[in-house]
């Protein structure tokens, strides 16, 4: 019976761990996707910065000077880079919040697992104490049973002896 209870407790504990691991894996995938998104945005920014450098070197005006269109093109690329930087910062903020959320979740899971472990240990100790008490009770009951059986045997032997003596006197 004890082994069956322990097996049941272990199965419950293992199932809880499997469900938690599935959730952690899903969180890790989302975290990795967010990182990929940021890395892609950084690669796009690098390309745009290359375009900006190239636009600065373009001088289509008379005598090799930059025209208003050249300057506007460079400004537009620079504004696009600034917008990309803003988006990168927003995504980084999401990533950092997500990372902090994962850390809090892992800490909470650790505390929960520790609490569950302590509760299982307490339950096991309680079961061990109950088992010991039942063994003591069983020994006490078997001792009482032995005493009762002995008394009954002596009473039966006494009755047989008395009947024997009575029959011996009559004969």
N, C-alpha and C. Protein backbone atom coordinates (compact mmCIF):
# COMPACT_ATOMS: atom_id res chain seq x y z
N UNK A 1 0.83 -1.18 0.00
CA UNK A 1 0.00 0.00 0.00
C UNK A 1 0.88 1.25 0.00
N UNK A 2 1.93 1.21 0.84
CA UNK A 2 2.84 2.33 0.92
C UNK A 2 3.52 2.58 -0.42
N UNK A 3 3.94 1.50 -1.04
CA UNK A 3 4.63 1.62 -2.33
C UNK A 3 3.70 2.20 -3.39
N UNK A 4 2.44 1.83 -3.35
CA UNK A 4 1.46 2.35 -4.30
C UNK A 4 1.26 3.84 -4.11
N UNK A 5 1.18 4.29 -2.88
CA UNK A 5 1.03 5.72 -2.59
C UNK A 5 2.26 6.48 -3.06
N UNK A 6 3.44 5.96 -2.77
CA UNK A 6 4.67 6.62 -3.20
C UNK A 6 4.75 6.69 -4.72
N UNK A 7 4.36 5.61 -5.39
CA UNK A 7 4.37 5.59 -6.85
C UNK A 7 3.41 6.64 -7.40
N UNK A 8 2.24 6.75 -6.80
CA UNK A 8 1.26 7.75 -7.24
C UNK A 8 1.78 9.16 -7.06
N UNK A 9 2.42 9.43 -5.91
CA UNK A 9 2.98 10.76 -5.67
C UNK A 9 4.08 11.09 -6.68
N UNK A 10 4.93 10.13 -6.96
CA UNK A 10 6.01 10.36 -7.93
C UNK A 10 5.45 10.62 -9.32
N UNK A 11 4.40 9.89 -9.70
CA UNK A 11 3.78 10.10 -11.01
C UNK A 11 3.19 11.50 -11.11
N UNK A 12 2.50 11.96 -10.07
CA UNK A 12 1.94 13.31 -10.07
C UNK A 12 3.04 14.35 -10.20
N UNK A 13 4.11 14.16 -9.46
CA UNK A 13 5.22 15.11 -9.50
C UNK A 13 5.85 15.14 -10.90
N UNK A 14 6.02 13.99 -11.51
CA UNK A 14 6.62 13.91 -12.85
C UNK A 14 5.70 14.55 -13.89
N UNK A 15 4.40 14.36 -13.78
CA UNK A 15 3.47 14.95 -14.74
C UNK A 15 3.50 16.47 -14.64
N UNK A 16 3.55 17.01 -13.44
CA UNK A 16 3.64 18.45 -13.27
C UNK A 16 4.90 19.00 -13.90
N UNK A 17 5.99 18.28 -13.79
CA UNK A 17 7.26 18.71 -14.37
C UNK A 17 7.20 18.68 -15.89
N UNK A 18 6.52 17.70 -16.48
CA UNK A 18 6.39 17.61 -17.94
C UNK A 18 5.60 18.81 -18.47
N UNK A 19 4.48 19.15 -17.81
CA UNK A 19 3.68 20.29 -18.26
C UNK A 19 4.47 21.58 -18.13
N UNK A 20 5.21 21.74 -17.05
CA UNK A 20 6.02 22.95 -16.86
C UNK A 20 7.11 23.04 -17.92
N UNK A 21 7.74 21.91 -18.26
CA UNK A 21 8.80 21.91 -19.26
C UNK A 21 8.24 22.30 -20.63
N UNK A 22 7.04 21.86 -20.96
CA UNK A 22 6.41 22.22 -22.22
C UNK A 22 6.21 23.72 -22.30
N UNK A 23 5.74 24.32 -21.21
CA UNK A 23 5.52 25.76 -21.18
C UNK A 23 6.84 26.51 -21.30
N UNK A 24 7.87 26.05 -20.63
CA UNK A 24 9.18 26.69 -20.69
C UNK A 24 9.74 26.61 -22.10
N UNK A 25 9.56 25.46 -22.78
CA UNK A 25 10.03 25.32 -24.16
C UNK A 25 9.31 26.31 -25.08
N UNK A 26 8.00 26.48 -24.90
CA UNK A 26 7.23 27.42 -25.72
C UNK A 26 7.73 28.85 -25.48
N UNK A 27 8.02 29.16 -24.20
CA UNK A 27 8.54 30.48 -23.88
C UNK A 27 9.90 30.70 -24.53
N UNK A 28 10.73 29.69 -24.52
CA UNK A 28 12.06 29.80 -25.12
C UNK A 28 11.96 30.04 -26.62
N UNK A 29 11.01 29.39 -27.27
CA UNK A 29 10.83 29.58 -28.70
C UNK A 29 10.41 31.03 -28.99
N UNK A 30 9.48 31.55 -28.18
CA UNK A 30 9.05 32.94 -28.37
C UNK A 30 10.21 33.90 -28.14
N UNK A 31 11.02 33.62 -27.13
CA UNK A 31 12.19 34.45 -26.85
C UNK A 31 13.17 34.42 -28.03
N UNK A 32 13.41 33.26 -28.57
CA UNK A 32 14.32 33.13 -29.71
C UNK A 32 13.77 33.84 -30.95
N UNK A 33 12.46 33.77 -31.16
CA UNK A 33 11.84 34.48 -32.28
C UNK A 33 12.01 35.99 -32.14
N UNK A 34 11.85 36.48 -30.90
CA UNK A 34 12.04 37.91 -30.65
C UNK A 34 13.49 38.31 -30.93
N UNK A 35 14.42 37.49 -30.54
CA UNK A 35 15.84 37.77 -30.81
C UNK A 35 16.12 37.80 -32.31
N UNK A 36 15.54 36.86 -33.04
CA UNK A 36 15.72 36.82 -34.51
C UNK A 36 15.17 38.10 -35.14
N UNK A 37 14.01 38.52 -34.64
CA UNK A 37 13.39 39.74 -35.17
C UNK A 37 14.31 40.95 -34.96
N UNK A 38 14.89 41.06 -33.78
CA UNK A 38 15.79 42.18 -33.48
C UNK A 38 17.05 42.08 -34.34
N UNK A 39 17.59 40.89 -34.47
CA UNK A 39 18.79 40.72 -35.30
C UNK A 39 18.51 41.09 -36.76
N UNK A 40 17.33 40.76 -37.26
CA UNK A 40 16.95 41.14 -38.62
C UNK A 40 16.85 42.66 -38.74
N UNK A 41 16.27 43.28 -37.72
CA UNK A 41 16.16 44.75 -37.74
C UNK A 41 17.55 45.40 -37.71
N UNK A 42 18.47 44.82 -36.96
CA UNK A 42 19.84 45.36 -36.92
C UNK A 42 20.53 45.19 -38.28
N UNK A 43 20.29 44.08 -38.94
CA UNK A 43 20.87 43.87 -40.28
C UNK A 43 20.29 44.88 -41.26
N UNK A 44 18.98 45.15 -41.17
CA UNK A 44 18.35 46.16 -42.03
C UNK A 44 18.95 47.53 -41.76
N UNK A 45 19.17 47.83 -40.49
CA UNK A 45 19.76 49.13 -40.13
C UNK A 45 21.16 49.27 -40.74
N UNK A 46 21.91 48.20 -40.69
CA UNK A 46 23.27 48.23 -41.25
C UNK A 46 23.22 48.52 -42.75
N UNK A 47 22.27 47.88 -43.46
CA UNK A 47 22.10 48.13 -44.90
C UNK A 47 21.73 49.59 -45.15
N UNK A 48 20.80 50.11 -44.33
CA UNK A 48 20.38 51.49 -44.50
C UNK A 48 21.53 52.46 -44.22
N UNK A 49 22.34 52.11 -43.25
CA UNK A 49 23.49 52.97 -42.95
C UNK A 49 24.47 52.97 -44.12
N UNK A 50 24.62 51.82 -44.76
CA UNK A 50 25.46 51.75 -45.95
C UNK A 50 24.89 52.61 -47.07
N UNK A 51 23.56 52.59 -47.23
CA UNK A 51 22.91 53.45 -48.22
C UNK A 51 23.13 54.92 -47.89
N UNK A 52 23.06 55.25 -46.62
CA UNK A 52 23.26 56.64 -46.19
C UNK A 52 24.69 57.09 -46.53
N UNK A 53 25.66 56.25 -46.22
CA UNK A 53 27.06 56.59 -46.52
C UNK A 53 27.24 56.79 -48.03
N UNK A 54 26.60 55.93 -48.80
CA UNK A 54 26.69 56.04 -50.25
C UNK A 54 26.02 57.32 -50.73
N UNK A 55 24.87 57.68 -50.14
CA UNK A 55 24.17 58.89 -50.58
C UNK A 55 24.95 60.15 -50.22
N UNK A 56 25.71 60.09 -49.14
CA UNK A 56 26.53 61.25 -48.77
C UNK A 56 27.66 61.47 -49.78
N UNK A 57 28.11 60.38 -50.36
CA UNK A 57 29.22 60.51 -51.31
C UNK A 57 28.76 60.91 -52.71
N UNK A 58 27.45 60.91 -52.94
CA UNK A 58 26.93 61.28 -54.25
C UNK A 58 26.88 62.81 -54.38
N UNK A 59 27.48 63.31 -55.43
CA UNK A 59 27.49 64.75 -55.71
C UNK A 59 27.05 64.90 -57.16
N UNK A 60 25.78 65.15 -57.37
CA UNK A 60 25.25 65.22 -58.74
C UNK A 60 25.11 66.65 -59.23
N UNK A 61 25.53 67.59 -58.41
CA UNK A 61 25.38 69.00 -58.78
C UNK A 61 26.51 69.48 -59.68
N UNK A 62 26.41 70.74 -60.06
CA UNK A 62 27.42 71.38 -60.90
C UNK A 62 28.70 71.51 -60.09
N UNK A 63 29.78 71.28 -60.72
CA UNK A 63 31.11 71.34 -60.12
C UNK A 63 31.29 70.31 -59.00
N UNK A 64 30.49 69.23 -59.00
CA UNK A 64 30.66 68.15 -58.04
C UNK A 64 30.10 68.45 -56.66
N UNK A 65 29.17 69.42 -56.57
CA UNK A 65 28.54 69.71 -55.29
C UNK A 65 27.27 68.90 -55.13
N UNK A 66 26.81 68.80 -53.88
CA UNK A 66 25.55 68.09 -53.62
C UNK A 66 24.38 69.01 -53.94
N UNK A 67 23.37 68.41 -54.48
CA UNK A 67 22.16 69.18 -54.76
C UNK A 67 21.19 69.01 -53.60
N UNK A 68 20.10 69.80 -53.66
CA UNK A 68 19.07 69.68 -52.63
C UNK A 68 18.49 68.27 -52.63
N UNK A 69 18.33 67.70 -53.82
CA UNK A 69 17.80 66.34 -53.91
C UNK A 69 18.74 65.32 -53.25
N UNK A 70 20.05 65.52 -53.42
CA UNK A 70 21.02 64.62 -52.77
C UNK A 70 20.89 64.72 -51.25
N UNK A 71 20.79 65.96 -50.78
CA UNK A 71 20.67 66.18 -49.33
C UNK A 71 19.35 65.63 -48.81
N UNK A 72 18.27 65.82 -49.56
CA UNK A 72 16.96 65.29 -49.15
C UNK A 72 16.97 63.76 -49.12
N UNK A 73 17.59 63.16 -50.11
CA UNK A 73 17.70 61.70 -50.16
C UNK A 73 18.47 61.19 -48.93
N UNK A 74 19.59 61.86 -48.63
CA UNK A 74 20.38 61.48 -47.46
C UNK A 74 19.58 61.67 -46.18
N UNK A 75 18.84 62.77 -46.09
CA UNK A 75 18.01 63.03 -44.91
C UNK A 75 16.91 61.97 -44.76
N UNK A 76 16.31 61.61 -45.88
CA UNK A 76 15.25 60.59 -45.83
C UNK A 76 15.82 59.26 -45.34
N UNK A 77 16.99 58.89 -45.84
CA UNK A 77 17.61 57.64 -45.38
C UNK A 77 17.95 57.74 -43.90
N UNK A 78 18.45 58.89 -43.48
CA UNK A 78 18.80 59.09 -42.06
C UNK A 78 17.55 59.02 -41.18
N UNK A 79 16.45 59.60 -41.64
CA UNK A 79 15.19 59.51 -40.88
C UNK A 79 14.70 58.07 -40.81
N UNK A 80 14.88 57.35 -41.90
CA UNK A 80 14.49 55.93 -41.91
C UNK A 80 15.34 55.15 -40.91
N UNK A 81 16.63 55.49 -40.83
CA UNK A 81 17.52 54.84 -39.84
C UNK A 81 17.04 55.16 -38.43
N UNK A 82 16.67 56.41 -38.19
CA UNK A 82 16.19 56.82 -36.85
C UNK A 82 14.91 56.06 -36.49
N UNK A 83 13.98 55.91 -37.46
CA UNK A 83 12.75 55.15 -37.21
C UNK A 83 13.08 53.69 -36.91
N UNK A 84 14.03 53.15 -37.66
CA UNK A 84 14.45 51.76 -37.42
C UNK A 84 15.05 51.62 -36.03
N UNK A 85 15.86 52.61 -35.62
CA UNK A 85 16.44 52.59 -34.27
C UNK A 85 15.35 52.62 -33.21
N UNK A 86 14.32 53.47 -33.41
CA UNK A 86 13.20 53.51 -32.46
C UNK A 86 12.52 52.15 -32.36
N UNK A 87 12.29 51.53 -33.52
CA UNK A 87 11.65 50.20 -33.52
C UNK A 87 12.54 49.16 -32.83
N UNK A 88 13.84 49.27 -33.06
CA UNK A 88 14.78 48.34 -32.41
C UNK A 88 14.71 48.51 -30.90
N UNK A 89 14.67 49.77 -30.43
CA UNK A 89 14.58 50.01 -28.98
C UNK A 89 13.29 49.45 -28.40
N UNK A 90 12.18 49.62 -29.14
CA UNK A 90 10.91 49.06 -28.67
C UNK A 90 10.98 47.54 -28.57
N UNK A 91 11.54 46.92 -29.58
CA UNK A 91 11.65 45.45 -29.58
C UNK A 91 12.62 44.96 -28.51
N UNK A 92 13.70 45.73 -28.29
CA UNK A 92 14.63 45.36 -27.22
C UNK A 92 13.96 45.46 -25.85
N UNK A 93 13.13 46.49 -25.69
CA UNK A 93 12.39 46.63 -24.43
C UNK A 93 11.49 45.41 -24.21
N UNK A 94 10.80 45.00 -25.28
CA UNK A 94 9.95 43.81 -25.19
C UNK A 94 10.79 42.58 -24.83
N UNK A 95 11.96 42.47 -25.47
CA UNK A 95 12.83 41.32 -25.20
C UNK A 95 13.32 41.33 -23.75
N UNK A 96 13.71 42.49 -23.24
CA UNK A 96 14.17 42.57 -21.85
C UNK A 96 13.05 42.28 -20.87
N UNK A 97 11.85 42.79 -21.18
CA UNK A 97 10.71 42.49 -20.31
C UNK A 97 10.39 40.99 -20.34
N UNK A 98 10.50 40.42 -21.52
CA UNK A 98 10.24 38.99 -21.66
C UNK A 98 11.29 38.18 -20.90
N UNK A 99 12.53 38.62 -20.98
CA UNK A 99 13.61 37.94 -20.25
C UNK A 99 13.38 38.03 -18.75
N UNK A 100 12.99 39.22 -18.27
CA UNK A 100 12.71 39.39 -16.84
C UNK A 100 11.52 38.52 -16.44
N UNK A 101 10.52 38.45 -17.31
CA UNK A 101 9.35 37.61 -17.03
C UNK A 101 9.76 36.15 -16.91
N UNK A 102 10.62 35.69 -17.82
CA UNK A 102 11.09 34.30 -17.76
C UNK A 102 11.86 34.04 -16.48
N UNK A 103 12.70 34.99 -16.08
CA UNK A 103 13.48 34.80 -14.85
C UNK A 103 12.55 34.71 -13.64
N UNK A 104 11.55 35.62 -13.59
CA UNK A 104 10.59 35.56 -12.47
C UNK A 104 9.84 34.24 -12.48
N UNK A 105 9.48 33.80 -13.68
CA UNK A 105 8.73 32.56 -13.80
C UNK A 105 9.57 31.36 -13.35
N UNK A 106 10.83 31.36 -13.73
CA UNK A 106 11.73 30.27 -13.31
C UNK A 106 11.90 30.29 -11.80
N UNK A 107 12.05 31.48 -11.22
CA UNK A 107 12.19 31.58 -9.77
C UNK A 107 10.91 31.08 -9.09
N UNK A 108 9.76 31.50 -9.61
CA UNK A 108 8.49 31.06 -9.04
C UNK A 108 8.34 29.54 -9.16
N UNK A 109 8.74 29.00 -10.31
CA UNK A 109 8.67 27.55 -10.51
C UNK A 109 9.59 26.84 -9.52
N UNK A 110 10.77 27.41 -9.31
CA UNK A 110 11.71 26.82 -8.35
C UNK A 110 11.14 26.82 -6.94
N UNK A 111 10.52 27.94 -6.56
CA UNK A 111 9.90 28.03 -5.22
C UNK A 111 8.75 27.05 -5.11
N UNK A 112 7.95 26.97 -6.16
CA UNK A 112 6.82 26.04 -6.15
C UNK A 112 7.30 24.60 -6.04
N UNK A 113 8.34 24.27 -6.80
CA UNK A 113 8.89 22.91 -6.75
C UNK A 113 9.45 22.61 -5.37
N UNK A 114 10.08 23.61 -4.76
CA UNK A 114 10.63 23.42 -3.41
C UNK A 114 9.50 23.20 -2.41
N UNK A 115 8.43 23.99 -2.54
CA UNK A 115 7.29 23.83 -1.65
C UNK A 115 6.66 22.45 -1.82
N UNK A 116 6.50 22.03 -3.06
CA UNK A 116 5.92 20.71 -3.33
C UNK A 116 6.82 19.62 -2.75
N UNK A 117 8.11 19.79 -2.92
CA UNK A 117 9.06 18.81 -2.39
C UNK A 117 8.97 18.74 -0.87
N UNK A 118 8.89 19.90 -0.23
CA UNK A 118 8.76 19.93 1.23
C UNK A 118 7.45 19.28 1.66
N UNK A 119 6.38 19.55 0.92
CA UNK A 119 5.09 18.94 1.27
C UNK A 119 5.15 17.42 1.11
N UNK A 120 5.82 16.95 0.04
CA UNK A 120 5.97 15.51 -0.13
C UNK A 120 6.80 14.90 1.00
N UNK A 121 7.86 15.60 1.39
CA UNK A 121 8.70 15.10 2.49
C UNK A 121 7.89 15.04 3.77
N UNK A 122 7.09 16.08 4.03
CA UNK A 122 6.25 16.09 5.23
C UNK A 122 5.22 14.95 5.18
N UNK A 123 4.63 14.74 4.00
CA UNK A 123 3.65 13.65 3.86
C UNK A 123 4.32 12.30 4.08
N UNK A 124 5.53 12.14 3.54
CA UNK A 124 6.26 10.87 3.73
C UNK A 124 6.59 10.65 5.20
N UNK A 125 7.04 11.70 5.87
CA UNK A 125 7.33 11.58 7.29
C UNK A 125 6.08 11.21 8.08
N UNK A 126 4.97 11.84 7.71
CA UNK A 126 3.71 11.54 8.40
C UNK A 126 3.31 10.08 8.16
N UNK A 127 3.48 9.62 6.91
CA UNK A 127 3.16 8.22 6.60
C UNK A 127 4.09 7.25 7.33
N UNK A 128 5.36 7.61 7.44
CA UNK A 128 6.31 6.75 8.18
C UNK A 128 5.92 6.68 9.65
N UNK A 129 5.54 7.81 10.23
CA UNK A 129 5.12 7.82 11.63
C UNK A 129 3.85 6.99 11.81
N UNK A 130 2.92 7.14 10.90
CA UNK A 130 1.67 6.37 10.97
C UNK A 130 1.96 4.88 10.83
N UNK A 131 2.88 4.53 9.93
CA UNK A 131 3.27 3.14 9.73
C UNK A 131 3.88 2.57 11.02
N UNK A 132 4.76 3.36 11.63
CA UNK A 132 5.39 2.90 12.88
C UNK A 132 4.34 2.71 13.96
N UNK A 133 3.39 3.66 14.04
CA UNK A 133 2.32 3.55 15.04
C UNK A 133 1.46 2.32 14.78
N UNK A 134 1.15 2.05 13.52
CA UNK A 134 0.36 0.87 13.19
C UNK A 134 1.10 -0.41 13.54
N UNK A 135 2.43 -0.42 13.33
CA UNK A 135 3.21 -1.60 13.70
C UNK A 135 3.18 -1.82 15.21
N UNK A 136 3.30 -0.73 15.96
CA UNK A 136 3.24 -0.84 17.43
C UNK A 136 1.87 -1.35 17.85
N UNK A 137 0.81 -0.79 17.24
CA UNK A 137 -0.55 -1.23 17.56
C UNK A 137 -0.74 -2.70 17.22
N UNK A 138 -0.20 -3.11 16.08
CA UNK A 138 -0.31 -4.51 15.66
C UNK A 138 0.41 -5.43 16.64
N UNK A 139 1.60 -5.03 17.06
CA UNK A 139 2.35 -5.84 18.03
C UNK A 139 1.57 -5.92 19.34
N UNK A 140 1.00 -4.79 19.76
CA UNK A 140 0.22 -4.77 21.00
C UNK A 140 -1.00 -5.68 20.87
N UNK A 141 -1.68 -5.61 19.73
CA UNK A 141 -2.86 -6.45 19.53
C UNK A 141 -2.48 -7.92 19.45
N UNK A 142 -1.33 -8.23 18.82
CA UNK A 142 -0.93 -9.63 18.75
C UNK A 142 -0.55 -10.14 20.14
N UNK A 143 0.06 -9.27 20.95
CA UNK A 143 0.38 -9.66 22.32
C UNK A 143 -0.90 -9.91 23.10
N UNK A 144 -1.88 -9.02 22.95
CA UNK A 144 -3.17 -9.21 23.63
C UNK A 144 -3.85 -10.48 23.14
N UNK A 145 -3.78 -10.72 21.85
CA UNK A 145 -4.39 -11.93 21.30
C UNK A 145 -3.74 -13.18 21.90
N UNK A 146 -2.43 -13.14 22.04
CA UNK A 146 -1.72 -14.28 22.63
C UNK A 146 -2.17 -14.48 24.07
N UNK A 147 -2.30 -13.40 24.81
CA UNK A 147 -2.74 -13.50 26.21
C UNK A 147 -4.16 -14.07 26.27
N UNK A 148 -5.07 -13.56 25.42
CA UNK A 148 -6.45 -14.06 25.42
C UNK A 148 -6.50 -15.54 25.07
N UNK A 149 -5.74 -15.92 24.07
CA UNK A 149 -5.73 -17.33 23.66
C UNK A 149 -5.18 -18.20 24.79
N UNK A 150 -4.13 -17.71 25.45
CA UNK A 150 -3.56 -18.47 26.58
C UNK A 150 -4.58 -18.63 27.69
N UNK A 151 -5.31 -17.55 28.02
CA UNK A 151 -6.33 -17.61 29.08
C UNK A 151 -7.43 -18.59 28.69
N UNK A 152 -7.86 -18.53 27.43
CA UNK A 152 -8.92 -19.44 26.97
C UNK A 152 -8.44 -20.88 27.02
N UNK A 153 -7.17 -21.13 26.64
CA UNK A 153 -6.63 -22.49 26.69
C UNK A 153 -6.58 -22.98 28.13
N UNK A 154 -6.12 -22.11 29.05
CA UNK A 154 -6.08 -22.51 30.47
C UNK A 154 -7.47 -22.77 31.01
N UNK A 155 -8.43 -21.93 30.61
CA UNK A 155 -9.81 -22.14 31.08
C UNK A 155 -10.34 -23.47 30.53
N UNK A 156 -10.10 -23.73 29.27
CA UNK A 156 -10.56 -24.98 28.67
C UNK A 156 -9.89 -26.18 29.33
N UNK A 157 -8.56 -26.06 29.59
CA UNK A 157 -7.82 -27.14 30.24
C UNK A 157 -8.36 -27.35 31.66
N UNK A 158 -8.67 -26.25 32.35
CA UNK A 158 -9.22 -26.37 33.71
C UNK A 158 -10.57 -27.07 33.70
N UNK A 159 -11.40 -26.68 32.73
CA UNK A 159 -12.72 -27.32 32.63
C UNK A 159 -12.55 -28.80 32.33
N UNK A 160 -11.65 -29.17 31.42
CA UNK A 160 -11.41 -30.57 31.10
C UNK A 160 -10.87 -31.32 32.32
N UNK A 161 -9.97 -30.68 33.06
CA UNK A 161 -9.41 -31.30 34.27
C UNK A 161 -10.51 -31.54 35.29
N UNK A 162 -11.37 -30.52 35.49
CA UNK A 162 -12.47 -30.67 36.45
C UNK A 162 -13.42 -31.78 36.01
N UNK A 163 -13.74 -31.83 34.73
CA UNK A 163 -14.60 -32.90 34.23
C UNK A 163 -13.94 -34.26 34.40
N UNK A 164 -12.66 -34.32 34.19
CA UNK A 164 -11.91 -35.57 34.37
C UNK A 164 -11.95 -36.00 35.83
N UNK A 165 -11.73 -35.10 36.73
CA UNK A 165 -11.74 -35.39 38.16
C UNK A 165 -13.14 -35.85 38.60
N UNK A 166 -14.15 -35.22 38.08
CA UNK A 166 -15.53 -35.55 38.43
C UNK A 166 -15.87 -36.95 37.93
N UNK A 167 -15.47 -37.28 36.71
CA UNK A 167 -15.72 -38.60 36.16
C UNK A 167 -14.90 -39.65 36.90
N UNK A 168 -13.73 -39.32 37.36
CA UNK A 168 -12.87 -40.23 38.09
C UNK A 168 -13.48 -40.56 39.47
N UNK A 169 -14.09 -39.58 40.10
CA UNK A 169 -14.72 -39.80 41.39
C UNK A 169 -16.00 -40.63 41.24
N UNK A 170 -16.73 -40.48 40.20
CA UNK A 170 -17.96 -41.23 39.96
C UNK A 170 -17.61 -42.68 39.59
N UNK A 171 -16.54 -42.92 39.04
CA UNK A 171 -16.22 -44.26 38.62
C UNK A 171 -15.59 -45.07 39.66
